[in-house]
Amino acid sequence: MSDKLRRWLFHRESKQQHVAAFVLLFGSGLGLLASFMLSIESLVLAKNSHAVLNCDLSSALSCSVVANHWSAELLGFPNSFIGIVTLPVMVTIAVALLADTKFPKWFMRAAQLGAVAGLLFAAWMFYMSYFEIGVLCPWCLTLDVGILLIFYGLLRYNVLSKNIEQRVLSWSVKKGYDTLALASVVALAVAAILAKFGSGIF
């Protein structure tokens, strides 16, 4: 039995780190897929702003309505292009972590700051869709889930591997409260969506 396999089988912390890295990989892949689809749709709308997209599902779920709002191009180009550029980096980091690559602390902390920025941006976009536009974009919601998983997986890995050493965070991860927080955020978001758009979704 190789040392790497033995370490994974018998060391609980090593298992948790690999699970966190897998969550990071899944979230990055999901976010990259959503960014790719949103980018394609932005090109369609660039040719015809009145085009009906495949994800225009109902009065409450419409990618085109959200994409035609000014907030969809905050920097002068589709927001999804940012994901196309940045998310492959997260995919690469996740794959490297699963292969037991050890990055310097400064690098992992910088990656965490990137995840924080992505989460704040995703939260702002959700706010705009929910309160200002009044319509939700299915692929945007998929991207939001991906970003949330990236933040969760990367933070959990960084705390477990002591790239980020903070007593409250370490205690929260050890007790599983970070997972509880993730589940609570998802549950609250789903409840809020159903409360406002329930009849329009189904």
N, C-alpha and C. Protein backbone atom coordinates (compact mmCIF):
# COMPACT_ATOMS: atom_id res chain seq x y z
N MET A 1 0.84 -1.19 0.00
CA MET A 1 0.00 0.00 0.00
C MET A 1 0.89 1.25 0.00
N SER A 2 0.63 2.15 -0.91
CA SER A 2 1.45 3.36 -1.01
C SER A 2 1.23 4.26 0.19
N ASP A 3 2.23 5.10 0.47
CA ASP A 3 2.11 6.03 1.60
C ASP A 3 0.93 6.98 1.42
N LYS A 4 0.69 7.42 0.18
CA LYS A 4 -0.40 8.35 -0.09
C LYS A 4 -1.76 7.71 0.22
N LEU A 5 -1.94 6.45 -0.22
CA LEU A 5 -3.20 5.75 0.02
C LEU A 5 -3.37 5.46 1.51
N ARG A 6 -2.29 5.05 2.17
CA ARG A 6 -2.35 4.76 3.60
C ARG A 6 -2.72 6.01 4.39
N ARG A 7 -2.15 7.13 3.99
CA ARG A 7 -2.44 8.39 4.67
C ARG A 7 -3.90 8.78 4.49
N TRP A 8 -4.44 8.52 3.29
CA TRP A 8 -5.84 8.88 3.03
C TRP A 8 -6.79 7.98 3.82
N LEU A 9 -6.45 6.69 3.93
CA LEU A 9 -7.33 5.72 4.58
C LEU A 9 -7.35 5.87 6.09
N PHE A 10 -6.23 6.22 6.67
CA PHE A 10 -6.12 6.17 8.12
C PHE A 10 -6.03 7.54 8.81
N HIS A 11 -5.96 8.58 8.06
CA HIS A 11 -5.88 9.90 8.67
C HIS A 11 -7.15 10.69 8.34
N ARG A 12 -7.95 10.94 9.35
CA ARG A 12 -9.23 11.61 9.17
C ARG A 12 -9.06 13.00 8.57
N GLU A 13 -8.05 13.72 9.03
CA GLU A 13 -7.83 15.08 8.54
C GLU A 13 -7.49 15.08 7.06
N SER A 14 -6.70 14.08 6.62
CA SER A 14 -6.35 13.97 5.21
C SER A 14 -7.59 13.70 4.37
N LYS A 15 -8.48 12.85 4.88
CA LYS A 15 -9.74 12.57 4.18
C LYS A 15 -10.55 13.85 4.02
N GLN A 16 -10.65 14.61 5.11
CA GLN A 16 -11.43 15.84 5.09
C GLN A 16 -10.86 16.84 4.09
N GLN A 17 -9.55 16.91 4.01
CA GLN A 17 -8.91 17.82 3.06
C GLN A 17 -9.23 17.41 1.63
N HIS A 18 -9.21 16.11 1.36
CA HIS A 18 -9.52 15.64 0.00
C HIS A 18 -10.99 15.87 -0.35
N VAL A 19 -11.87 15.68 0.64
CA VAL A 19 -13.29 15.95 0.40
C VAL A 19 -13.49 17.44 0.10
N ALA A 20 -12.81 18.29 0.86
CA ALA A 20 -12.91 19.74 0.63
C ALA A 20 -12.39 20.10 -0.76
N ALA A 21 -11.29 19.47 -1.17
CA ALA A 21 -10.74 19.73 -2.50
C ALA A 21 -11.69 19.25 -3.59
N PHE A 22 -12.38 18.13 -3.34
CA PHE A 22 -13.36 17.64 -4.32
C PHE A 22 -14.55 18.59 -4.43
N VAL A 23 -14.99 19.12 -3.29
CA VAL A 23 -16.07 20.11 -3.31
C VAL A 23 -15.64 21.34 -4.12
N LEU A 24 -14.40 21.75 -3.92
CA LEU A 24 -13.84 22.87 -4.68
C LEU A 24 -13.84 22.56 -6.17
N LEU A 25 -13.46 21.34 -6.53
CA LEU A 25 -13.43 20.94 -7.94
C LEU A 25 -14.84 20.92 -8.52
N PHE A 26 -15.78 20.34 -7.78
CA PHE A 26 -17.17 20.27 -8.27
C PHE A 26 -17.75 21.66 -8.44
N GLY A 27 -17.55 22.53 -7.45
CA GLY A 27 -18.07 23.89 -7.54
C GLY A 27 -17.45 24.67 -8.68
N SER A 28 -16.14 24.49 -8.87
CA SER A 28 -15.44 25.18 -9.97
C SER A 28 -15.94 24.70 -11.32
N GLY A 29 -16.11 23.39 -11.45
CA GLY A 29 -16.61 22.83 -12.71
C GLY A 29 -18.02 23.29 -13.00
N LEU A 30 -18.86 23.30 -11.96
CA LEU A 30 -20.25 23.75 -12.13
C LEU A 30 -20.29 25.22 -12.52
N GLY A 31 -19.49 26.03 -11.85
CA GLY A 31 -19.44 27.45 -12.17
C GLY A 31 -18.91 27.72 -13.56
N LEU A 32 -17.91 26.94 -13.97
CA LEU A 32 -17.34 27.11 -15.31
C LEU A 32 -18.35 26.75 -16.38
N LEU A 33 -19.11 25.68 -16.15
CA LEU A 33 -20.16 25.29 -17.09
C LEU A 33 -21.20 26.40 -17.22
N ALA A 34 -21.64 26.93 -16.08
CA ALA A 34 -22.63 28.01 -16.10
C ALA A 34 -22.08 29.25 -16.80
N SER A 35 -20.83 29.59 -16.54
CA SER A 35 -20.21 30.76 -17.19
C SER A 35 -20.13 30.56 -18.69
N PHE A 36 -19.81 29.34 -19.11
CA PHE A 36 -19.72 29.04 -20.53
C PHE A 36 -21.09 29.20 -21.21
N MET A 37 -22.13 28.66 -20.57
CA MET A 37 -23.48 28.76 -21.14
C MET A 37 -23.95 30.22 -21.17
N LEU A 38 -23.67 30.96 -20.12
CA LEU A 38 -24.06 32.37 -20.07
C LEU A 38 -23.31 33.19 -21.12
N SER A 39 -22.07 32.83 -21.38
CA SER A 39 -21.28 33.54 -22.39
C SER A 39 -21.85 33.30 -23.78
N ILE A 40 -22.24 32.06 -24.06
CA ILE A 40 -22.86 31.74 -25.34
C ILE A 40 -24.14 32.55 -25.52
N GLU A 41 -24.95 32.60 -24.47
CA GLU A 41 -26.22 33.31 -24.55
C GLU A 41 -26.01 34.82 -24.70
N SER A 42 -24.94 35.34 -24.10
CA SER A 42 -24.66 36.78 -24.25
C SER A 42 -24.30 37.11 -25.69
N LEU A 43 -23.64 36.18 -26.38
CA LEU A 43 -23.32 36.39 -27.79
C LEU A 43 -24.58 36.35 -28.65
N VAL A 44 -25.51 35.47 -28.29
CA VAL A 44 -26.79 35.40 -29.01
C VAL A 44 -27.54 36.72 -28.84
N LEU A 45 -27.58 37.23 -27.61
CA LEU A 45 -28.29 38.47 -27.34
C LEU A 45 -27.59 39.68 -27.96
N ALA A 46 -26.29 39.58 -28.15
CA ALA A 46 -25.55 40.67 -28.80
C ALA A 46 -26.01 40.84 -30.25
N LYS A 47 -26.39 39.73 -30.88
CA LYS A 47 -26.89 39.78 -32.25
C LYS A 47 -28.36 40.18 -32.31
N ASN A 48 -29.11 39.72 -31.30
CA ASN A 48 -30.54 40.01 -31.27
C ASN A 48 -30.98 40.11 -29.81
N SER A 49 -31.16 41.34 -29.33
CA SER A 49 -31.51 41.55 -27.92
C SER A 49 -32.88 41.02 -27.56
N HIS A 50 -33.69 40.69 -28.58
CA HIS A 50 -35.04 40.16 -28.33
C HIS A 50 -35.10 38.65 -28.50
N ALA A 51 -33.96 38.02 -28.65
CA ALA A 51 -33.92 36.57 -28.84
C ALA A 51 -34.47 35.85 -27.61
N VAL A 52 -35.14 34.73 -27.87
CA VAL A 52 -35.64 33.87 -26.79
C VAL A 52 -34.62 32.77 -26.56
N LEU A 53 -34.12 32.67 -25.34
CA LEU A 53 -33.08 31.71 -25.02
C LEU A 53 -33.66 30.41 -24.47
N ASN A 54 -32.86 29.37 -24.50
CA ASN A 54 -33.30 28.07 -24.00
C ASN A 54 -33.63 28.10 -22.51
N CYS A 55 -33.01 29.02 -21.79
CA CYS A 55 -33.27 29.09 -20.34
C CYS A 55 -34.32 30.14 -19.99
N ASP A 56 -35.05 30.62 -20.99
CA ASP A 56 -36.22 31.46 -20.72
C ASP A 56 -37.40 30.52 -20.46
N LEU A 57 -37.53 30.11 -19.22
CA LEU A 57 -38.47 29.04 -18.88
C LEU A 57 -39.85 29.53 -18.47
N SER A 58 -39.92 30.70 -17.85
CA SER A 58 -41.20 31.22 -17.37
C SER A 58 -41.06 32.70 -17.08
N SER A 59 -42.12 33.29 -16.56
CA SER A 59 -42.06 34.72 -16.22
C SER A 59 -41.09 35.00 -15.08
N ALA A 60 -40.82 33.98 -14.28
CA ALA A 60 -39.91 34.14 -13.13
C ALA A 60 -38.50 33.68 -13.42
N LEU A 61 -38.35 32.82 -14.42
CA LEU A 61 -37.04 32.26 -14.77
C LEU A 61 -36.71 32.63 -16.21
N SER A 62 -35.87 33.63 -16.39
CA SER A 62 -35.55 34.09 -17.73
C SER A 62 -34.14 34.66 -17.79
N CYS A 63 -33.27 33.97 -18.51
CA CYS A 63 -31.89 34.44 -18.65
C CYS A 63 -31.82 35.74 -19.45
N SER A 64 -32.66 35.85 -20.49
CA SER A 64 -32.56 37.01 -21.38
C SER A 64 -32.94 38.31 -20.66
N VAL A 65 -33.94 38.25 -19.79
CA VAL A 65 -34.35 39.45 -19.05
C VAL A 65 -33.21 39.93 -18.17
N VAL A 66 -32.57 39.01 -17.47
CA VAL A 66 -31.45 39.36 -16.59
C VAL A 66 -30.25 39.83 -17.41
N ALA A 67 -29.98 39.14 -18.52
CA ALA A 67 -28.81 39.47 -19.35
C ALA A 67 -28.94 40.83 -20.01
N ASN A 68 -30.17 41.30 -20.23
CA ASN A 68 -30.37 42.60 -20.86
C ASN A 68 -30.36 43.75 -19.85
N HIS A 69 -30.22 43.42 -18.57
CA HIS A 69 -30.13 44.45 -17.53
C HIS A 69 -28.69 44.96 -17.45
N TRP A 70 -28.52 46.22 -17.08
CA TRP A 70 -27.17 46.81 -17.05
C TRP A 70 -26.21 46.07 -16.12
N SER A 71 -26.74 45.48 -15.06
CA SER A 71 -25.88 44.81 -14.08
C SER A 71 -25.21 43.55 -14.63
N ALA A 72 -25.69 43.06 -15.78
CA ALA A 72 -25.10 41.85 -16.38
C ALA A 72 -23.78 42.16 -17.09
N GLU A 73 -23.48 43.45 -17.27
CA GLU A 73 -22.22 43.86 -17.90
C GLU A 73 -21.60 44.97 -17.06
N LEU A 74 -21.27 44.64 -15.84
CA LEU A 74 -20.81 45.65 -14.88
C LEU A 74 -19.51 46.33 -15.32
N LEU A 75 -18.62 45.58 -15.97
CA LEU A 75 -17.33 46.13 -16.40
C LEU A 75 -17.30 46.46 -17.89
N GLY A 76 -18.47 46.47 -18.52
CA GLY A 76 -18.53 46.80 -19.94
C GLY A 76 -18.56 45.58 -20.84
N PHE A 77 -18.48 44.41 -20.27
CA PHE A 77 -18.60 43.15 -21.01
C PHE A 77 -19.35 42.17 -20.12
N PRO A 78 -19.91 41.09 -20.70
CA PRO A 78 -20.70 40.16 -19.89
C PRO A 78 -19.95 39.65 -18.67
N ASN A 79 -20.63 39.66 -17.52
CA ASN A 79 -20.01 39.19 -16.28
C ASN A 79 -19.50 37.76 -16.39
N SER A 80 -20.16 36.96 -17.22
CA SER A 80 -19.78 35.56 -17.36
C SER A 80 -18.37 35.39 -17.90
N PHE A 81 -17.87 36.39 -18.63
CA PHE A 81 -16.50 36.31 -19.15
C PHE A 81 -15.48 36.27 -18.01
N ILE A 82 -15.83 36.91 -16.89
CA ILE A 82 -14.95 36.87 -15.72
C ILE A 82 -14.80 35.43 -15.23
N GLY A 83 -15.93 34.72 -15.21
CA GLY A 83 -15.90 33.32 -14.80
C GLY A 83 -15.11 32.45 -15.75
N ILE A 84 -15.20 32.73 -17.04
CA ILE A 84 -14.45 31.97 -18.04
C ILE A 84 -12.95 32.10 -17.79
N VAL A 85 -12.53 33.27 -17.33
CA VAL A 85 -11.10 33.52 -17.09
C VAL A 85 -10.63 32.98 -15.74
N THR A 86 -11.44 33.18 -14.70
CA THR A 86 -10.99 32.87 -13.34
C THR A 86 -11.27 31.44 -12.87
N LEU A 87 -12.37 30.86 -13.29
CA LEU A 87 -12.75 29.54 -12.77
C LEU A 87 -11.82 28.41 -13.19
N PRO A 88 -11.22 28.45 -14.40
CA PRO A 88 -10.22 27.41 -14.70
C PRO A 88 -9.06 27.39 -13.71
N VAL A 89 -8.75 28.55 -13.12
CA VAL A 89 -7.70 28.61 -12.11
C VAL A 89 -8.11 27.79 -10.89
N MET A 90 -9.37 27.94 -10.47
CA MET A 90 -9.87 27.18 -9.33
C MET A 90 -9.93 25.69 -9.63
N VAL A 91 -10.29 25.34 -10.86
CA VAL A 91 -10.29 23.93 -11.26
C VAL A 91 -8.88 23.36 -11.15
N THR A 92 -7.91 24.11 -11.63
CA THR A 92 -6.51 23.67 -11.59
C THR A 92 -6.03 23.50 -10.15
N ILE A 93 -6.37 24.45 -9.29
CA ILE A 93 -5.98 24.36 -7.88
C ILE A 93 -6.59 23.12 -7.25
N ALA A 94 -7.88 22.87 -7.52
CA ALA A 94 -8.56 21.72 -6.94
C ALA A 94 -7.92 20.40 -7.37
N VAL A 95 -7.62 20.28 -8.66
CA VAL A 95 -6.99 19.06 -9.17
C VAL A 95 -5.62 18.87 -8.52
N ALA A 96 -4.87 19.95 -8.39
CA ALA A 96 -3.55 19.88 -7.76
C ALA A 96 -3.65 19.46 -6.30
N LEU A 97 -4.65 19.98 -5.59
CA LEU A 97 -4.83 19.62 -4.18
C LEU A 97 -5.21 18.15 -4.04
N LEU A 98 -6.03 17.66 -4.96
CA LEU A 98 -6.39 16.24 -4.93
C LEU A 98 -5.19 15.35 -5.18
N ALA A 99 -4.20 15.89 -5.88
CA ALA A 99 -2.95 15.16 -6.14
C ALA A 99 -1.92 15.40 -5.04
N ASP A 100 -2.37 16.01 -3.94
CA ASP A 100 -1.52 16.27 -2.76
C ASP A 100 -0.42 17.30 -3.00
N THR A 101 -0.66 18.20 -3.94
CA THR A 101 0.27 19.31 -4.14
C THR A 101 0.13 20.30 -2.98
N LYS A 102 1.24 20.77 -2.47
CA LYS A 102 1.24 21.73 -1.37
C LYS A 102 1.65 23.10 -1.89
N PHE A 103 0.70 24.02 -1.89
CA PHE A 103 0.99 25.39 -2.32
C PHE A 103 1.44 26.23 -1.12
N PRO A 104 2.20 27.29 -1.37
CA PRO A 104 2.59 28.20 -0.28
C PRO A 104 1.35 28.83 0.37
N LYS A 105 1.48 29.18 1.63
CA LYS A 105 0.35 29.77 2.34
C LYS A 105 -0.14 31.04 1.67
N TRP A 106 0.80 31.87 1.20
CA TRP A 106 0.40 33.14 0.58
C TRP A 106 -0.45 32.90 -0.65
N PHE A 107 -0.14 31.82 -1.39
CA PHE A 107 -0.89 31.51 -2.60
C PHE A 107 -2.31 31.09 -2.25
N MET A 108 -2.45 30.20 -1.25
CA MET A 108 -3.77 29.71 -0.87
C MET A 108 -4.60 30.82 -0.23
N ARG A 109 -3.94 31.72 0.49
CA ARG A 109 -4.67 32.85 1.05
C ARG A 109 -5.14 33.80 -0.04
N ALA A 110 -4.32 33.98 -1.06
CA ALA A 110 -4.72 34.81 -2.20
C ALA A 110 -5.90 34.18 -2.93
N ALA A 111 -5.86 32.85 -3.07
CA ALA A 111 -6.98 32.14 -3.71
C ALA A 111 -8.25 32.30 -2.88
N GLN A 112 -8.10 32.28 -1.56
CA GLN A 112 -9.26 32.47 -0.68
C GLN A 112 -9.84 33.86 -0.84
N LEU A 113 -8.99 34.86 -0.96
CA LEU A 113 -9.47 36.23 -1.20
C LEU A 113 -10.23 36.31 -2.52
N GLY A 114 -9.74 35.58 -3.52
CA GLY A 114 -10.46 35.52 -4.80
C GLY A 114 -11.82 34.89 -4.64
N ALA A 115 -11.90 33.84 -3.81
CA ALA A 115 -13.19 33.18 -3.56
C ALA A 115 -14.14 34.11 -2.82
N VAL A 116 -13.61 34.90 -1.89
CA VAL A 116 -14.43 35.87 -1.16
C VAL A 116 -14.98 36.92 -2.13
N ALA A 117 -14.13 37.41 -3.02
CA ALA A 117 -14.57 38.40 -4.01
C ALA A 117 -15.65 37.81 -4.91
N GLY A 118 -15.46 36.56 -5.33
CA GLY A 118 -16.46 35.90 -6.16
C GLY A 118 -17.78 35.73 -5.44
N LEU A 119 -17.71 35.38 -4.15
CA LEU A 119 -18.93 35.19 -3.37
C LEU A 119 -19.68 36.51 -3.20
N LEU A 120 -18.96 37.58 -2.93
CA LEU A 120 -19.60 38.89 -2.78
C LEU A 120 -20.25 39.34 -4.08
N PHE A 121 -19.57 39.08 -5.19
CA PHE A 121 -20.12 39.45 -6.49
C PHE A 121 -21.37 38.63 -6.81
N ALA A 122 -21.33 37.33 -6.50
CA ALA A 122 -22.48 36.46 -6.72
C ALA A 122 -23.66 36.89 -5.85
N ALA A 123 -23.37 37.28 -4.60
CA ALA A 123 -24.43 37.73 -3.70
C ALA A 123 -25.06 39.03 -4.22
N TRP A 124 -24.23 39.92 -4.76
CA TRP A 124 -24.75 41.16 -5.32
C TRP A 124 -25.64 40.90 -6.53
N MET A 125 -25.21 39.99 -7.39
CA MET A 125 -26.00 39.66 -8.57
C MET A 125 -27.33 39.01 -8.18
N PHE A 126 -27.30 38.16 -7.16
CA PHE A 126 -28.55 37.56 -6.68
C PHE A 126 -29.48 38.64 -6.14
N TYR A 127 -28.91 39.59 -5.40
CA TYR A 127 -29.70 40.70 -4.88
C TYR A 127 -30.35 41.48 -6.02
N MET A 128 -29.58 41.77 -7.06
CA MET A 128 -30.11 42.52 -8.20
C MET A 128 -31.24 41.76 -8.88
N SER A 129 -31.05 40.47 -9.08
CA SER A 129 -32.09 39.66 -9.73
C SER A 129 -33.35 39.59 -8.88
N TYR A 130 -33.15 39.39 -7.59
CA TYR A 130 -34.28 39.16 -6.68
C TYR A 130 -35.07 40.44 -6.41
N PHE A 131 -34.37 41.53 -6.15
CA PHE A 131 -35.05 42.76 -5.73
C PHE A 131 -35.23 43.79 -6.84
N GLU A 132 -34.22 43.97 -7.70
CA GLU A 132 -34.27 45.03 -8.69
C GLU A 132 -34.92 44.58 -10.01
N ILE A 133 -34.45 43.45 -10.55
CA ILE A 133 -34.96 42.97 -11.84
C ILE A 133 -36.28 42.23 -11.65
N GLY A 134 -36.38 41.47 -10.57
CA GLY A 134 -37.60 40.73 -10.29
C GLY A 134 -37.73 39.46 -11.10
N VAL A 135 -36.64 39.00 -11.67
CA VAL A 135 -36.61 37.77 -12.47
C VAL A 135 -35.30 37.05 -12.15
N LEU A 136 -35.36 35.72 -12.13
CA LEU A 136 -34.17 34.92 -11.86
C LEU A 136 -33.65 34.26 -13.13
N CYS A 137 -32.34 34.12 -13.19
CA CYS A 137 -31.68 33.48 -14.33
C CYS A 137 -31.19 32.10 -13.90
N PRO A 138 -31.71 31.01 -14.51
CA PRO A 138 -31.32 29.65 -14.11
C PRO A 138 -29.82 29.41 -14.11
N TRP A 139 -29.14 29.84 -15.17
CA TRP A 139 -27.70 29.62 -15.23
C TRP A 139 -26.95 30.49 -14.23
N CYS A 140 -27.51 31.66 -13.93
CA CYS A 140 -26.90 32.52 -12.90
C CYS A 140 -27.01 31.86 -11.53
N LEU A 141 -28.16 31.24 -11.26
CA LEU A 141 -28.34 30.53 -10.00
C LEU A 141 -27.38 29.35 -9.90
N THR A 142 -27.17 28.68 -11.03
CA THR A 142 -26.21 27.57 -11.06
C THR A 142 -24.81 28.07 -10.74
N LEU A 143 -24.48 29.21 -11.32
CA LEU A 143 -23.17 29.83 -11.04
C LEU A 143 -23.05 30.22 -9.57
N ASP A 144 -24.14 30.74 -9.00
CA ASP A 144 -24.14 31.11 -7.58
C ASP A 144 -23.84 29.90 -6.70
N VAL A 145 -24.46 28.77 -7.02
CA VAL A 145 -24.22 27.54 -6.26
C VAL A 145 -22.75 27.13 -6.38
N GLY A 146 -22.23 27.21 -7.61
CA GLY A 146 -20.83 26.87 -7.83
C GLY A 146 -19.89 27.75 -7.01
N ILE A 147 -20.14 29.06 -7.00
CA ILE A 147 -19.30 29.99 -6.25
C ILE A 147 -19.38 29.71 -4.75
N LEU A 148 -20.59 29.40 -4.28
CA LEU A 148 -20.77 29.09 -2.86
C LEU A 148 -19.97 27.85 -2.47
N LEU A 149 -19.99 26.83 -3.33
CA LEU A 149 -19.23 25.61 -3.06
C LEU A 149 -17.72 25.86 -3.12
N ILE A 150 -17.31 26.73 -4.04
CA ILE A 150 -15.89 27.10 -4.12
C ILE A 150 -15.43 27.74 -2.81
N PHE A 151 -16.20 28.70 -2.34
CA PHE A 151 -15.85 29.39 -1.09
C PHE A 151 -15.80 28.41 0.07
N TYR A 152 -16.81 27.56 0.16
CA TYR A 152 -16.88 26.59 1.26
C TYR A 152 -15.74 25.58 1.19
N GLY A 153 -15.54 24.98 0.02
CA GLY A 153 -14.50 23.96 -0.12
C GLY A 153 -13.11 24.50 0.12
N LEU A 154 -12.84 25.68 -0.43
CA LEU A 154 -11.50 26.26 -0.29
C LEU A 154 -11.24 26.71 1.14
N LEU A 155 -12.25 27.31 1.77
CA LEU A 155 -12.08 27.74 3.16
C LEU A 155 -11.85 26.54 4.07
N ARG A 156 -12.63 25.50 3.86
CA ARG A 156 -12.48 24.29 4.68
C ARG A 156 -11.09 23.68 4.50
N TYR A 157 -10.63 23.62 3.26
CA TYR A 157 -9.30 23.06 3.00
C TYR A 157 -8.23 23.92 3.67
N ASN A 158 -8.33 25.22 3.51
CA ASN A 158 -7.32 26.12 4.06
C ASN A 158 -7.25 26.06 5.59
N VAL A 159 -8.40 25.91 6.23
CA VAL A 159 -8.41 25.81 7.69
C VAL A 159 -7.84 24.46 8.13
N LEU A 160 -8.25 23.38 7.47
CA LEU A 160 -7.77 22.05 7.84
C LEU A 160 -6.27 21.90 7.62
N SER A 161 -5.77 22.53 6.57
CA SER A 161 -4.34 22.42 6.26
C SER A 161 -3.51 23.52 6.92
N LYS A 162 -4.20 24.35 7.74
CA LYS A 162 -3.55 25.43 8.50
C LYS A 162 -2.92 26.51 7.61
N ASN A 163 -3.45 26.66 6.41
CA ASN A 163 -3.06 27.81 5.59
C ASN A 163 -3.67 29.08 6.16
N ILE A 164 -4.84 28.90 6.79
CA ILE A 164 -5.49 29.99 7.51
C ILE A 164 -5.64 29.54 8.95
N GLU A 165 -4.97 30.21 9.86
CA GLU A 165 -5.01 29.83 11.27
C GLU A 165 -5.75 30.90 12.05
N GLN A 166 -7.00 30.58 12.35
CA GLN A 166 -7.85 31.49 13.09
C GLN A 166 -8.70 30.64 14.03
N ARG A 167 -8.66 30.94 15.31
CA ARG A 167 -9.25 30.05 16.31
C ARG A 167 -10.73 29.77 16.08
N VAL A 168 -11.50 30.81 15.81
CA VAL A 168 -12.95 30.63 15.62
C VAL A 168 -13.23 29.79 14.38
N LEU A 169 -12.51 30.07 13.29
CA LEU A 169 -12.70 29.29 12.07
C LEU A 169 -12.32 27.83 12.28
N SER A 170 -11.20 27.59 12.95
CA SER A 170 -10.75 26.23 13.20
C SER A 170 -11.78 25.47 14.04
N TRP A 171 -12.31 26.12 15.06
CA TRP A 171 -13.33 25.50 15.91
C TRP A 171 -14.60 25.21 15.11
N SER A 172 -15.00 26.16 14.27
CA SER A 172 -16.22 25.99 13.47
C SER A 172 -16.09 24.82 12.50
N VAL A 173 -14.94 24.72 11.84
CA VAL A 173 -14.73 23.63 10.89
C VAL A 173 -14.67 22.29 11.62
N LYS A 174 -13.99 22.26 12.76
CA LYS A 174 -13.88 21.03 13.53
C LYS A 174 -15.24 20.52 13.98
N LYS A 175 -16.12 21.44 14.35
CA LYS A 175 -17.46 21.07 14.81
C LYS A 175 -18.45 20.89 13.66
N GLY A 176 -18.04 21.26 12.44
CA GLY A 176 -18.93 21.12 11.30
C GLY A 176 -19.91 22.26 11.13
N TYR A 177 -19.67 23.36 11.84
CA TYR A 177 -20.59 24.49 11.75
C TYR A 177 -20.50 25.20 10.40
N ASP A 178 -19.36 25.06 9.73
CA ASP A 178 -19.24 25.65 8.39
C ASP A 178 -20.18 24.95 7.41
N THR A 179 -20.30 23.63 7.57
CA THR A 179 -21.24 22.87 6.73
C THR A 179 -22.67 23.25 7.05
N LEU A 180 -22.95 23.44 8.33
CA LEU A 180 -24.29 23.88 8.75
C LEU A 180 -24.61 25.25 8.17
N ALA A 181 -23.62 26.13 8.17
CA ALA A 181 -23.82 27.47 7.61
C ALA A 181 -24.11 27.40 6.11
N LEU A 182 -23.38 26.53 5.41
CA LEU A 182 -23.62 26.35 3.97
C LEU A 182 -25.04 25.87 3.72
N ALA A 183 -25.46 24.85 4.46
CA ALA A 183 -26.81 24.31 4.29
C ALA A 183 -27.86 25.36 4.61
N SER A 184 -27.60 26.17 5.62
CA SER A 184 -28.56 27.21 6.03
C SER A 184 -28.71 28.28 4.95
N VAL A 185 -27.59 28.68 4.35
CA VAL A 185 -27.64 29.68 3.28
C VAL A 185 -28.44 29.16 2.10
N VAL A 186 -28.19 27.91 1.71
CA VAL A 186 -28.91 27.31 0.59
C VAL A 186 -30.40 27.22 0.91
N ALA A 187 -30.73 26.76 2.12
CA ALA A 187 -32.13 26.61 2.52
C ALA A 187 -32.85 27.96 2.54
N LEU A 188 -32.19 28.99 3.05
CA LEU A 188 -32.79 30.32 3.10
C LEU A 188 -33.00 30.88 1.70
N ALA A 189 -32.03 30.65 0.81
CA ALA A 189 -32.15 31.13 -0.57
C ALA A 189 -33.31 30.45 -1.28
N VAL A 190 -33.41 29.13 -1.11
CA VAL A 190 -34.50 28.38 -1.74
C VAL A 190 -35.84 28.84 -1.20
N ALA A 191 -35.93 29.03 0.12
CA ALA A 191 -37.17 29.49 0.74
C ALA A 191 -37.56 30.88 0.22
N ALA A 192 -36.57 31.77 0.10
CA ALA A 192 -36.84 33.12 -0.39
C ALA A 192 -37.32 33.10 -1.84
N ILE A 193 -36.70 32.23 -2.65
CA ILE A 193 -37.09 32.12 -4.06
C ILE A 193 -38.51 31.59 -4.18
N LEU A 194 -38.83 30.56 -3.42
CA LEU A 194 -40.17 29.97 -3.47
C LEU A 194 -41.22 30.94 -2.95
N ALA A 195 -40.85 31.71 -1.92
CA ALA A 195 -41.80 32.66 -1.34
C ALA A 195 -42.18 33.75 -2.33
N LYS A 196 -41.21 34.20 -3.13
CA LYS A 196 -41.48 35.31 -4.05
C LYS A 196 -41.88 34.84 -5.45
N PHE A 197 -41.26 33.77 -5.93
CA PHE A 197 -41.46 33.36 -7.32
C PHE A 197 -42.16 32.01 -7.48
N GLY A 198 -42.58 31.42 -6.38
CA GLY A 198 -43.12 30.06 -6.43
C GLY A 198 -44.13 29.82 -7.53
N SER A 199 -45.15 30.66 -7.63
CA SER A 199 -46.20 30.46 -8.63
C SER A 199 -45.68 30.67 -10.05
N GLY A 200 -44.68 31.53 -10.20
CA GLY A 200 -44.14 31.80 -11.53
C GLY A 200 -43.17 30.75 -12.00
N ILE A 201 -42.60 30.00 -11.06
CA ILE A 201 -41.64 28.97 -11.41
C ILE A 201 -42.32 27.72 -11.94
N PHE A 202 -43.43 27.36 -11.29
CA PHE A 202 -44.07 26.08 -11.63
C PHE A 202 -45.26 26.28 -12.56
